[in-house]
Amino acid sequence: MIEKKANDCERLLEIDNLHGADCGSAPSLDAAGKYVGYFENGLGEQWVFVGDRKSGEAVICGGDANWKQYKVSIQRPCPVGLSLQEAEQIWIINCFASMCNKPYAEVYAAYKV
């Protein structure tokens, strides 16, 4: 479970793991004070992005990747060892642009390196 808790706040969003047991257990990440992004495509494939605004570093994990955590950063947003669909790539770029308050084109240029 990914938890992002603040004092005395009500729950905003709760999402079920749509992947079967063969994909492994969903990750357990503390996202307090971090940027959180969620992506689900039309096939129900889910991805989670948890990043630190100060360091520009993040992890992404997805059910189709057995919920393995991949380290990424604003300098290297392309996760090593993953083959991602275009929509997933755009989502990662948007997460970094939003998290770091950077122009989309700047993050996109780093992604394509």
PDB file of N, CA and C in Angstrom:
ATOM      1  N   MET A   1       0.828  -1.167   0.000  1.00  0.00           N
ATOM      2  CA  MET A   1       0.000   0.000   0.000  1.00  0.00           C
ATOM      3  C   MET A   1       0.880   1.239   0.000  1.00  0.00           C
ATOM      4  N   ILE A   2       0.435   2.243  -0.698  1.00  0.00           N
ATOM      5  CA  ILE A   2       1.135   3.512  -0.744  1.00  0.00           C
ATOM      6  C   ILE A   2       0.342   4.487   0.104  1.00  0.00           C
ATOM      7  N   GLU A   3       0.969   4.985   1.139  1.00  0.00           N
ATOM      8  CA  GLU A   3       0.272   5.882   2.043  1.00  0.00           C
ATOM      9  C   GLU A   3       0.892   7.268   2.026  1.00  0.00           C
ATOM     10  N   LYS A   4       0.021   8.233   1.906  1.00  0.00           N
ATOM     11  CA  LYS A   4       0.415   9.630   1.988  1.00  0.00           C
ATOM     12  C   LYS A   4      -0.533  10.269   2.984  1.00  0.00           C
ATOM     13  N   LYS A   5      -0.072  10.379   4.212  1.00  0.00           N
ATOM     14  CA  LYS A   5      -0.939  10.860   5.280  1.00  0.00           C
ATOM     15  C   LYS A   5      -0.476  12.222   5.778  1.00  0.00           C
ATOM     16  N   ALA A   6      -1.466  13.011   6.141  1.00  0.00           N
ATOM     17  CA  ALA A   6      -1.218  14.290   6.790  1.00  0.00           C
ATOM     18  C   ALA A   6      -2.098  14.322   8.034  1.00  0.00           C
ATOM     19  N   ASN A   7      -1.749  15.138   8.957  1.00  0.00           N
ATOM     20  CA  ASN A   7      -2.499  15.210  10.214  1.00  0.00           C
ATOM     21  C   ASN A   7      -3.930  15.673   9.981  1.00  0.00           C
ATOM     22  N   ASP A   8      -4.866  14.989  10.602  1.00  0.00           N
ATOM     23  CA  ASP A   8      -6.269  15.392  10.633  1.00  0.00           C
ATOM     24  C   ASP A   8      -6.887  15.639   9.254  1.00  0.00           C
ATOM     25  N   CYS A   9      -6.540  14.835   8.274  1.00  0.00           N
ATOM     26  CA  CYS A   9      -7.114  14.978   6.943  1.00  0.00           C
ATOM     27  C   CYS A   9      -7.953  13.759   6.600  1.00  0.00           C
ATOM     28  N   GLU A  10      -8.977  13.969   5.802  1.00  0.00           N
ATOM     29  CA  GLU A  10      -9.788  12.841   5.369  1.00  0.00           C
ATOM     30  C   GLU A  10      -9.154  12.191   4.140  1.00  0.00           C
ATOM     31  N   ARG A  11      -9.479  10.935   3.910  1.00  0.00           N
ATOM     32  CA  ARG A  11      -8.953  10.164   2.791  1.00  0.00           C
ATOM     33  C   ARG A  11      -9.508  10.740   1.493  1.00  0.00           C
ATOM     34  N   LEU A  12      -8.651  10.975   0.516  1.00  0.00           N
ATOM     35  CA  LEU A  12      -9.044  11.550  -0.762  1.00  0.00           C
ATOM     36  C   LEU A  12      -9.236  10.485  -1.827  1.00  0.00           C
ATOM     37  N   LEU A  13      -8.360   9.483  -1.849  1.00  0.00           N
ATOM     38  CA  LEU A  13      -8.354   8.519  -2.940  1.00  0.00           C
ATOM     39  C   LEU A  13      -7.942   7.150  -2.420  1.00  0.00           C
ATOM     40  N   GLU A  14      -8.641   6.124  -2.847  1.00  0.00           N
ATOM     41  CA  GLU A  14      -8.283   4.748  -2.501  1.00  0.00           C
ATOM     42  C   GLU A  14      -8.479   3.906  -3.755  1.00  0.00           C
ATOM     43  N   ILE A  15      -7.438   3.181  -4.165  1.00  0.00           N
ATOM     44  CA  ILE A  15      -7.460   2.430  -5.421  1.00  0.00           C
ATOM     45  C   ILE A  15      -7.091   0.981  -5.160  1.00  0.00           C
ATOM     46  N   ASP A  16      -7.856   0.056  -5.699  1.00  0.00           N
ATOM     47  CA  ASP A  16      -7.563  -1.369  -5.558  1.00  0.00           C
ATOM     48  C   ASP A  16      -6.496  -1.814  -6.549  1.00  0.00           C
ATOM     49  N   ASN A  17      -5.727  -2.813  -6.166  1.00  0.00           N
ATOM     50  CA  ASN A  17      -4.760  -3.450  -7.051  1.00  0.00           C
ATOM     51  C   ASN A  17      -5.540  -4.338  -8.012  1.00  0.00           C
ATOM     52  N   LEU A  18      -5.507  -4.024  -9.294  1.00  0.00           N
ATOM     53  CA  LEU A  18      -6.254  -4.778 -10.300  1.00  0.00           C
ATOM     54  C   LEU A  18      -5.482  -5.974 -10.842  1.00  0.00           C
ATOM     55  N   HIS A  19      -4.232  -6.130 -10.412  1.00  0.00           N
ATOM     56  CA  HIS A  19      -3.383  -7.204 -10.918  1.00  0.00           C
ATOM     57  C   HIS A  19      -3.535  -8.460 -10.063  1.00  0.00           C
ATOM     58  N   GLY A  20      -3.404  -9.608 -10.714  1.00  0.00           N
ATOM     59  CA  GLY A  20      -3.518 -10.884 -10.025  1.00  0.00           C
ATOM     60  C   GLY A  20      -2.299 -11.208  -9.182  1.00  0.00           C
ATOM     61  N   ALA A  21      -2.415 -12.261  -8.412  1.00  0.00           N
ATOM     62  CA  ALA A  21      -1.336 -12.690  -7.516  1.00  0.00           C
ATOM     63  C   ALA A  21      -0.060 -13.022  -8.289  1.00  0.00           C
ATOM     64  N   ASP A  22      -0.191 -13.438  -9.562  1.00  0.00           N
ATOM     65  CA  ASP A  22       0.991 -13.772 -10.361  1.00  0.00           C
ATOM     66  C   ASP A  22       1.873 -12.556 -10.633  1.00  0.00           C
ATOM     67  N   CYS A  23       1.357 -11.350 -10.398  1.00  0.00           N
ATOM     68  CA  CYS A  23       2.143 -10.121 -10.577  1.00  0.00           C
ATOM     69  C   CYS A  23       2.848  -9.701  -9.297  1.00  0.00           C
ATOM     70  N   GLY A  24       2.666 -10.462  -8.242  1.00  0.00           N
ATOM     71  CA  GLY A  24       3.297 -10.119  -6.975  1.00  0.00           C
ATOM     72  C   GLY A  24       2.427  -9.189  -6.158  1.00  0.00           C
ATOM     73  N   SER A  25       2.925  -8.867  -5.003  1.00  0.00           N
ATOM     74  CA  SER A  25       2.200  -7.980  -4.095  1.00  0.00           C
ATOM     75  C   SER A  25       2.461  -6.536  -4.463  1.00  0.00           C
ATOM     76  N   ALA A  26       1.439  -5.718  -4.300  1.00  0.00           N
ATOM     77  CA  ALA A  26       1.604  -4.283  -4.530  1.00  0.00           C
ATOM     78  C   ALA A  26       2.631  -3.733  -3.547  1.00  0.00           C
ATOM     79  N   PRO A  27       3.342  -2.686  -3.949  1.00  0.00           N
ATOM     80  CA  PRO A  27       4.413  -2.166  -3.093  1.00  0.00           C
ATOM     81  C   PRO A  27       3.874  -1.507  -1.834  1.00  0.00           C
ATOM     82  N   SER A  28       4.721  -1.429  -0.841  1.00  0.00           N
ATOM     83  CA  SER A  28       4.424  -0.700   0.377  1.00  0.00           C
ATOM     84  C   SER A  28       5.394   0.477   0.427  1.00  0.00           C
ATOM     85  N   LEU A  29       4.881   1.663   0.198  1.00  0.00           N
ATOM     86  CA  LEU A  29       5.722   2.858   0.145  1.00  0.00           C
ATOM     87  C   LEU A  29       5.127   3.947   1.025  1.00  0.00           C
ATOM     88  N   ASP A  30       5.989   4.636   1.764  1.00  0.00           N
ATOM     89  CA  ASP A  30       5.560   5.792   2.536  1.00  0.00           C
ATOM     90  C   ASP A  30       5.726   7.015   1.646  1.00  0.00           C
ATOM     91  N   ALA A  31       4.633   7.631   1.290  1.00  0.00           N
ATOM     92  CA  ALA A  31       4.673   8.777   0.387  1.00  0.00           C
ATOM     93  C   ALA A  31       4.445  10.094   1.114  1.00  0.00           C
ATOM     94  N   ALA A  32       4.539  10.081   2.443  1.00  0.00           N
ATOM     95  CA  ALA A  32       4.343  11.314   3.212  1.00  0.00           C
ATOM     96  C   ALA A  32       5.330  12.376   2.741  1.00  0.00           C
ATOM     97  N   GLY A  33       4.817  13.541   2.414  1.00  0.00           N
ATOM     98  CA  GLY A  33       5.663  14.648   1.976  1.00  0.00           C
ATOM     99  C   GLY A  33       6.197  14.506   0.566  1.00  0.00           C
ATOM    100  N   LYS A  34       5.710  13.518  -0.185  1.00  0.00           N
ATOM    101  CA  LYS A  34       6.216  13.278  -1.542  1.00  0.00           C
ATOM    102  C   LYS A  34       5.120  13.470  -2.579  1.00  0.00           C
ATOM    103  N   TYR A  35       5.543  13.622  -3.816  1.00  0.00           N
ATOM    104  CA  TYR A  35       4.624  13.728  -4.945  1.00  0.00           C
ATOM    105  C   TYR A  35       4.196  12.314  -5.329  1.00  0.00           C
ATOM    106  N   VAL A  36       2.903  12.105  -5.545  1.00  0.00           N
ATOM    107  CA  VAL A  36       2.387  10.803  -5.933  1.00  0.00           C
ATOM    108  C   VAL A  36       1.609  10.938  -7.233  1.00  0.00           C
ATOM    109  N   GLY A  37       1.930  10.068  -8.178  1.00  0.00           N
ATOM    110  CA  GLY A  37       1.201  10.002  -9.431  1.00  0.00           C
ATOM    111  C   GLY A  37       0.696   8.590  -9.649  1.00  0.00           C
ATOM    112  N   TYR A  38      -0.476   8.483 -10.251  1.00  0.00           N
ATOM    113  CA  TYR A  38      -1.082   7.179 -10.530  1.00  0.00           C
ATOM    114  C   TYR A  38      -1.487   7.144 -11.996  1.00  0.00           C
ATOM    115  N   PHE A  39      -1.276   5.982 -12.636  1.00  0.00           N
ATOM    116  CA  PHE A  39      -1.636   5.808 -14.035  1.00  0.00           C
ATOM    117  C   PHE A  39      -2.308   4.452 -14.210  1.00  0.00           C
ATOM    118  N   GLU A  40      -3.366   4.435 -14.982  1.00  0.00           N
ATOM    119  CA  GLU A  40      -4.027   3.191 -15.343  1.00  0.00           C
ATOM    120  C   GLU A  40      -4.449   3.299 -16.800  1.00  0.00           C
ATOM    121  N   ASN A  41      -4.009   2.353 -17.619  1.00  0.00           N
ATOM    122  CA  ASN A  41      -4.385   2.409 -19.035  1.00  0.00           C
ATOM    123  C   ASN A  41      -5.711   1.684 -19.261  1.00  0.00           C
ATOM    124  N   GLY A  42      -6.142   1.632 -20.496  1.00  0.00           N
ATOM    125  CA  GLY A  42      -7.414   1.031 -20.844  1.00  0.00           C
ATOM    126  C   GLY A  42      -7.500  -0.456 -20.577  1.00  0.00           C
ATOM    127  N   LEU A  43      -6.367  -1.111 -20.378  1.00  0.00           N
ATOM    128  CA  LEU A  43      -6.345  -2.544 -20.080  1.00  0.00           C
ATOM    129  C   LEU A  43      -6.306  -2.813 -18.577  1.00  0.00           C
ATOM    130  N   GLY A  44      -6.308  -1.749 -17.794  1.00  0.00           N
ATOM    131  CA  GLY A  44      -6.262  -1.898 -16.337  1.00  0.00           C
ATOM    132  C   GLY A  44      -4.856  -2.055 -15.785  1.00  0.00           C
ATOM    133  N   GLU A  45      -3.839  -1.836 -16.611  1.00  0.00           N
ATOM    134  CA  GLU A  45      -2.454  -1.902 -16.131  1.00  0.00           C
ATOM    135  C   GLU A  45      -2.177  -0.652 -15.303  1.00  0.00           C
ATOM    136  N   GLN A  46      -1.679  -0.860 -14.102  1.00  0.00           N
ATOM    137  CA  GLN A  46      -1.498   0.221 -13.151  1.00  0.00           C
ATOM    138  C   GLN A  46      -0.029   0.539 -12.907  1.00  0.00           C
ATOM    139  N   TRP A  47       0.255   1.830 -12.712  1.00  0.00           N
ATOM    140  CA  TRP A  47       1.586   2.305 -12.377  1.00  0.00           C
ATOM    141  C   TRP A  47       1.467   3.347 -11.266  1.00  0.00           C
ATOM    142  N   VAL A  48       2.482   3.405 -10.427  1.00  0.00           N
ATOM    143  CA  VAL A  48       2.550   4.390  -9.361  1.00  0.00           C
ATOM    144  C   VAL A  48       3.913   5.074  -9.430  1.00  0.00           C
ATOM    145  N   PHE A  49       3.908   6.381  -9.214  1.00  0.00           N
ATOM    146  CA  PHE A  49       5.097   7.223  -9.196  1.00  0.00           C
ATOM    147  C   PHE A  49       5.135   7.893  -7.828  1.00  0.00           C
ATOM    148  N   VAL A  50       6.247   7.749  -7.106  1.00  0.00           N
ATOM    149  CA  VAL A  50       6.423   8.416  -5.817  1.00  0.00           C
ATOM    150  C   VAL A  50       7.767   9.135  -5.871  1.00  0.00           C
ATOM    151  N   GLY A  51       7.714  10.468  -5.792  1.00  0.00           N
ATOM    152  CA  GLY A  51       8.930  11.239  -5.955  1.00  0.00           C
ATOM    153  C   GLY A  51       9.152  12.313  -4.907  1.00  0.00           C
ATOM    154  N   ASP A  52      10.400  12.696  -4.778  1.00  0.00           N
ATOM    155  CA  ASP A  52      10.831  13.724  -3.845  1.00  0.00           C
ATOM    156  C   ASP A  52      11.086  15.019  -4.619  1.00  0.00           C
ATOM    157  N   ARG A  53      10.333  16.047  -4.297  1.00  0.00           N
ATOM    158  CA  ARG A  53      10.454  17.327  -5.012  1.00  0.00           C
ATOM    159  C   ARG A  53      11.842  17.949  -4.851  1.00  0.00           C
ATOM    160  N   LYS A  54      12.434  17.816  -3.674  1.00  0.00           N
ATOM    161  CA  LYS A  54      13.728  18.456  -3.401  1.00  0.00           C
ATOM    162  C   LYS A  54      14.860  17.797  -4.180  1.00  0.00           C
ATOM    163  N   SER A  55      14.898  16.469  -4.185  1.00  0.00           N
ATOM    164  CA  SER A  55      16.004  15.757  -4.841  1.00  0.00           C
ATOM    165  C   SER A  55      15.761  15.528  -6.327  1.00  0.00           C
ATOM    166  N   GLY A  56      14.490  15.569  -6.753  1.00  0.00           N
ATOM    167  CA  GLY A  56      14.174  15.270  -8.151  1.00  0.00           C
ATOM    168  C   GLY A  56      14.275  13.784  -8.457  1.00  0.00           C
ATOM    169  N   GLU A  57      14.267  12.950  -7.410  1.00  0.00           N
ATOM    170  CA  GLU A  57      14.351  11.501  -7.579  1.00  0.00           C
ATOM    171  C   GLU A  57      13.000  10.865  -7.267  1.00  0.00           C
ATOM    172  N   ALA A  58      12.757   9.702  -7.883  1.00  0.00           N
ATOM    173  CA  ALA A  58      11.484   9.020  -7.693  1.00  0.00           C
ATOM    174  C   ALA A  58      11.654   7.528  -7.920  1.00  0.00           C
ATOM    175  N   VAL A  59      10.616   6.790  -7.566  1.00  0.00           N
ATOM    176  CA  VAL A  59      10.510   5.390  -7.945  1.00  0.00           C
ATOM    177  C   VAL A  59       9.193   5.231  -8.685  1.00  0.00           C
ATOM    178  N   ILE A  60       9.202   4.348  -9.674  1.00  0.00           N
ATOM    179  CA  ILE A  60       7.960   3.953 -10.325  1.00  0.00           C
ATOM    180  C   ILE A  60       7.840   2.445 -10.180  1.00  0.00           C
ATOM    181  N   CYS A  61       6.627   1.979 -10.097  1.00  0.00           N
ATOM    182  CA  CYS A  61       6.392   0.544 -10.037  1.00  0.00           C
ATOM    183  C   CYS A  61       5.034   0.264 -10.655  1.00  0.00           C
ATOM    184  N   GLY A  62       4.966  -0.880 -11.333  1.00  0.00           N
ATOM    185  CA  GLY A  62       3.738  -1.249 -12.018  1.00  0.00           C
ATOM    186  C   GLY A  62       3.436  -2.722 -11.883  1.00  0.00           C
ATOM    187  N   GLY A  63       2.166  -3.041 -11.929  1.00  0.00           N
ATOM    188  CA  GLY A  63       1.732  -4.427 -11.792  1.00  0.00           C
ATOM    189  C   GLY A  63       2.289  -5.342 -12.861  1.00  0.00           C
ATOM    190  N   ASP A  64       2.363  -4.861 -14.099  1.00  0.00           N
ATOM    191  CA  ASP A  64       2.895  -5.696 -15.175  1.00  0.00           C
ATOM    192  C   ASP A  64       4.399  -5.926 -15.043  1.00  0.00           C
ATOM    193  N   ALA A  65       5.046  -5.121 -14.210  1.00  0.00           N
ATOM    194  CA  ALA A  65       6.481  -5.280 -13.928  1.00  0.00           C
ATOM    195  C   ALA A  65       6.653  -5.929 -12.554  1.00  0.00           C
ATOM    196  N   ASN A  66       5.628  -6.695 -12.128  1.00  0.00           N
ATOM    197  CA  ASN A  66       5.649  -7.401 -10.849  1.00  0.00           C
ATOM    198  C   ASN A  66       5.878  -6.467  -9.661  1.00  0.00           C
ATOM    199  N   TRP A  67       5.443  -5.231  -9.797  1.00  0.00           N
ATOM    200  CA  TRP A  67       5.542  -4.199  -8.768  1.00  0.00           C
ATOM    201  C   TRP A  67       6.967  -3.912  -8.327  1.00  0.00           C
ATOM    202  N   LYS A  68       7.938  -4.290  -9.167  1.00  0.00           N
ATOM    203  CA  LYS A  68       9.338  -3.967  -8.884  1.00  0.00           C
ATOM    204  C   LYS A  68       9.503  -2.451  -8.914  1.00  0.00           C
ATOM    205  N   GLN A  69      10.334  -1.926  -8.022  1.00  0.00           N
ATOM    206  CA  GLN A  69      10.586  -0.493  -7.974  1.00  0.00           C
ATOM    207  C   GLN A  69      11.762  -0.135  -8.874  1.00  0.00           C
ATOM    208  N   TYR A  70      11.537   0.842  -9.739  1.00  0.00           N
ATOM    209  CA  TYR A  70      12.569   1.351 -10.640  1.00  0.00           C
ATOM    210  C   TYR A  70      12.899   2.775 -10.236  1.00  0.00           C
ATOM    211  N   LYS A  71      14.173   3.027  -9.973  1.00  0.00           N
ATOM    212  CA  LYS A  71      14.604   4.373  -9.609  1.00  0.00           C
ATOM    213  C   LYS A  71      14.750   5.215 -10.873  1.00  0.00           C
ATOM    214  N   VAL A  72      14.199   6.412 -10.811  1.00  0.00           N
ATOM    215  CA  VAL A  72      14.290   7.375 -11.899  1.00  0.00           C
ATOM    216  C   VAL A  72      14.572   8.742 -11.286  1.00  0.00           C
ATOM    217  N   SER A  73      14.977   9.696 -12.110  1.00  0.00           N
ATOM    218  CA  SER A  73      15.239  11.044 -11.617  1.00  0.00           C
ATOM    219  C   SER A  73      14.925  12.043 -12.715  1.00  0.00           C
ATOM    220  N   ILE A  74      14.852  13.306 -12.335  1.00  0.00           N
ATOM    221  CA  ILE A  74      14.590  14.364 -13.317  1.00  0.00           C
ATOM    222  C   ILE A  74      15.703  14.387 -14.368  1.00  0.00           C
ATOM    223  N   GLN A  75      16.927  13.996 -13.994  1.00  0.00           N
ATOM    224  CA  GLN A  75      18.038  13.939 -14.942  1.00  0.00           C
ATOM    225  C   GLN A  75      17.969  12.687 -15.819  1.00  0.00           C
ATOM    226  N   ARG A  76      17.420  11.594 -15.279  1.00  0.00           N
ATOM    227  CA  ARG A  76      17.325  10.328 -16.012  1.00  0.00           C
ATOM    228  C   ARG A  76      15.936   9.723 -15.792  1.00  0.00           C
ATOM    229  N   PRO A  77      14.917  10.315 -16.440  1.00  0.00           N
ATOM    230  CA  PRO A  77      13.554   9.842 -16.220  1.00  0.00           C
ATOM    231  C   PRO A  77      13.201   8.542 -16.936  1.00  0.00           C
ATOM    232  N   CYS A  78      14.079   8.060 -17.794  1.00  0.00           N
ATOM    233  CA  CYS A  78      13.809   6.817 -18.519  1.00  0.00           C
ATOM    234  C   CYS A  78      14.228   5.637 -17.647  1.00  0.00           C
ATOM    235  N   PRO A  79      13.284   4.819 -17.197  1.00  0.00           N
ATOM    236  CA  PRO A  79      13.651   3.689 -16.336  1.00  0.00           C
ATOM    237  C   PRO A  79      14.424   2.615 -17.100  1.00  0.00           C
ATOM    238  N   VAL A  80      15.547   2.216 -16.557  1.00  0.00           N
ATOM    239  CA  VAL A  80      16.389   1.202 -17.175  1.00  0.00           C
ATOM    240  C   VAL A  80      15.716  -0.161 -17.045  1.00  0.00           C
ATOM    241  N   GLY A  81      15.654  -0.895 -18.147  1.00  0.00           N
ATOM    242  CA  GLY A  81      15.131  -2.251 -18.114  1.00  0.00           C
ATOM    243  C   GLY A  81      13.645  -2.378 -18.350  1.00  0.00           C
ATOM    244  N   LEU A  82      12.975  -1.278 -18.674  1.00  0.00           N
ATOM    245  CA  LEU A  82      11.539  -1.333 -18.941  1.00  0.00           C
ATOM    246  C   LEU A  82      11.240  -0.916 -20.369  1.00  0.00           C
ATOM    247  N   SER A  83      10.307  -1.618 -20.981  1.00  0.00           N
ATOM    248  CA  SER A  83       9.794  -1.224 -22.280  1.00  0.00           C
ATOM    249  C   SER A  83       8.386  -0.688 -22.040  1.00  0.00           C
ATOM    250  N   LEU A  84       8.225   0.617 -22.200  1.00  0.00           N
ATOM    251  CA  LEU A  84       6.968   1.263 -21.871  1.00  0.00           C
ATOM    252  C   LEU A  84       6.220   1.733 -23.114  1.00  0.00           C
ATOM    253  N   GLN A  85       4.902   1.688 -23.031  1.00  0.00           N
ATOM    254  CA  GLN A  85       4.069   2.227 -24.094  1.00  0.00           C
ATOM    255  C   GLN A  85       4.168   3.753 -24.065  1.00  0.00           C
ATOM    256  N   GLU A  86       3.801   4.379 -25.180  1.00  0.00           N
ATOM    257  CA  GLU A  86       3.906   5.838 -25.273  1.00  0.00           C
ATOM    258  C   GLU A  86       3.108   6.545 -24.168  1.00  0.00           C
ATOM    259  N   ALA A  87       1.903   6.073 -23.877  1.00  0.00           N
ATOM    260  CA  ALA A  87       1.095   6.706 -22.836  1.00  0.00           C
ATOM    261  C   ALA A  87       1.787   6.635 -21.476  1.00  0.00           C
ATOM    262  N   GLU A  88       2.466   5.534 -21.175  1.00  0.00           N
ATOM    263  CA  GLU A  88       3.192   5.393 -19.913  1.00  0.00           C
ATOM    264  C   GLU A  88       4.383   6.351 -19.870  1.00  0.00           C
ATOM    265  N   GLN A  89       5.077   6.485 -20.993  1.00  0.00           N
ATOM    266  CA  GLN A  89       6.195   7.413 -21.067  1.00  0.00           C
ATOM    267  C   GLN A  89       5.735   8.847 -20.833  1.00  0.00           C
ATOM    268  N   ILE A  90       4.643   9.230 -21.477  1.00  0.00           N
ATOM    269  CA  ILE A  90       4.106  10.585 -21.322  1.00  0.00           C
ATOM    270  C   ILE A  90       3.713  10.835 -19.869  1.00  0.00           C
ATOM    271  N   TRP A  91       3.130   9.826 -19.232  1.00  0.00           N
ATOM    272  CA  TRP A  91       2.744   9.955 -17.832  1.00  0.00           C
ATOM    273  C   TRP A  91       3.960  10.232 -16.949  1.00  0.00           C
ATOM    274  N   ILE A  92       5.057   9.482 -17.139  1.00  0.00           N
ATOM    275  CA  ILE A  92       6.266   9.694 -16.338  1.00  0.00           C
ATOM    276  C   ILE A  92       6.807  11.105 -16.553  1.00  0.00           C
ATOM    277  N   ILE A  93       6.858  11.533 -17.792  1.00  0.00           N
ATOM    278  CA  ILE A  93       7.335  12.882 -18.104  1.00  0.00           C
ATOM    279  C   ILE A  93       6.457  13.922 -17.416  1.00  0.00           C
ATOM    280  N   ASN A  94       5.143  13.732 -17.477  1.00  0.00           N
ATOM    281  CA  ASN A  94       4.226  14.667 -16.815  1.00  0.00           C
ATOM    282  C   ASN A  94       4.403  14.668 -15.304  1.00  0.00           C
ATOM    283  N   CYS A  95       4.635  13.498 -14.711  1.00  0.00           N
ATOM    284  CA  CYS A  95       4.876  13.442 -13.262  1.00  0.00           C
ATOM    285  C   CYS A  95       6.085  14.282 -12.890  1.00  0.00           C
ATOM    286  N   PHE A  96       7.186  14.123 -13.609  1.00  0.00           N
ATOM    287  CA  PHE A  96       8.390  14.900 -13.304  1.00  0.00           C
ATOM    288  C   PHE A  96       8.174  16.388 -13.563  1.00  0.00           C
ATOM    289  N   ALA A  97       7.517  16.730 -14.651  1.00  0.00           N
ATOM    290  CA  ALA A  97       7.261  18.140 -14.949  1.00  0.00           C
ATOM    291  C   ALA A  97       6.430  18.772 -13.839  1.00  0.00           C
ATOM    292  N   SER A  98       5.416  18.071 -13.385  1.00  0.00           N
ATOM    293  CA  SER A  98       4.574  18.587 -12.304  1.00  0.00           C
ATOM    294  C   SER A  98       5.322  18.639 -10.983  1.00  0.00           C
ATOM    295  N   MET A  99       5.996  17.541 -10.639  1.00  0.00           N
ATOM    296  CA  MET A  99       6.689  17.452  -9.362  1.00  0.00           C
ATOM    297  C   MET A  99       7.782  18.511  -9.236  1.00  0.00           C
ATOM    298  N   CYS A 100       8.531  18.730 -10.289  1.00  0.00           N
ATOM    299  CA  CYS A 100       9.686  19.630 -10.249  1.00  0.00           C
ATOM    300  C   CYS A 100       9.396  21.023 -10.816  1.00  0.00           C
ATOM    301  N   ASN A 101       8.135  21.238 -11.214  1.00  0.00           N
ATOM    302  CA  ASN A 101       7.744  22.522 -11.797  1.00  0.00           C
ATOM    303  C   ASN A 101       8.649  22.897 -12.970  1.00  0.00           C
ATOM    304  N   LYS A 102       8.838  21.930 -13.867  1.00  0.00           N
ATOM    305  CA  LYS A 102       9.677  22.107 -15.059  1.00  0.00           C
ATOM    306  C   LYS A 102       8.801  22.048 -16.307  1.00  0.00           C
ATOM    307  N   PRO A 103       9.237  22.700 -17.385  1.00  0.00           N
ATOM    308  CA  PRO A 103       8.483  22.588 -18.633  1.00  0.00           C
ATOM    309  C   PRO A 103       8.506  21.147 -19.156  1.00  0.00           C
ATOM    310  N   TYR A 104       7.384  20.733 -19.720  1.00  0.00           N
ATOM    311  CA  TYR A 104       7.270  19.386 -20.285  1.00  0.00           C
ATOM    312  C   TYR A 104       8.403  19.117 -21.266  1.00  0.00           C
ATOM    313  N   ALA A 105       8.691  20.065 -22.157  1.00  0.00           N
ATOM    314  CA  ALA A 105       9.718  19.872 -23.200  1.00  0.00           C
ATOM    315  C   ALA A 105      11.094  19.600 -22.592  1.00  0.00           C
ATOM    316  N   GLU A 106      11.392  20.216 -21.461  1.00  0.00           N
ATOM    317  CA  GLU A 106      12.689  20.010 -20.807  1.00  0.00           C
ATOM    318  C   GLU A 106      12.812  18.584 -20.281  1.00  0.00           C
ATOM    319  N   VAL A 107      11.768  18.092 -19.658  1.00  0.00           N
ATOM    320  CA  VAL A 107      11.796  16.726 -19.128  1.00  0.00           C
ATOM    321  C   VAL A 107      11.766  15.723 -20.278  1.00  0.00           C
ATOM    322  N   TYR A 108      10.986  15.999 -21.302  1.00  0.00           N
ATOM    323  CA  TYR A 108      10.909  15.137 -22.475  1.00  0.00           C
ATOM    324  C   TYR A 108      12.294  14.998 -23.119  1.00  0.00           C
ATOM    325  N   ALA A 109      13.045  16.068 -23.214  1.00  0.00           N
ATOM    326  CA  ALA A 109      14.390  16.016 -23.811  1.00  0.00           C
ATOM    327  C   ALA A 109      15.293  15.085 -23.008  1.00  0.00           C
ATOM    328  N   ALA A 110      15.196  15.103 -21.697  1.00  0.00           N
ATOM    329  CA  ALA A 110      15.998  14.209 -20.860  1.00  0.00           C
ATOM    330  C   ALA A 110      15.552  12.763 -21.008  1.00  0.00           C
ATOM    331  N   TYR A 111      14.239  12.556 -21.199  1.00  0.00           N
ATOM    332  CA  TYR A 111      13.706  11.201 -21.344  1.00  0.00           C
ATOM    333  C   TYR A 111      14.255  10.538 -22.597  1.00  0.00           C
ATOM    334  N   LYS A 112      14.405  11.295 -23.650  1.00  0.00           N
ATOM    335  CA  LYS A 112      14.820  10.728 -24.941  1.00  0.00           C
ATOM    336  C   LYS A 112      16.329  10.497 -25.047  1.00  0.00           C
ATOM    337  N   VAL A 113      17.096  10.894 -24.016  1.00  0.00           N
ATOM    338  CA  VAL A 113      18.552  10.673 -24.042  1.00  0.00           C
ATOM    339  C   VAL A 113      18.855   9.213 -23.879  1.00  0.00           C
TER     340      VAL A 113
END
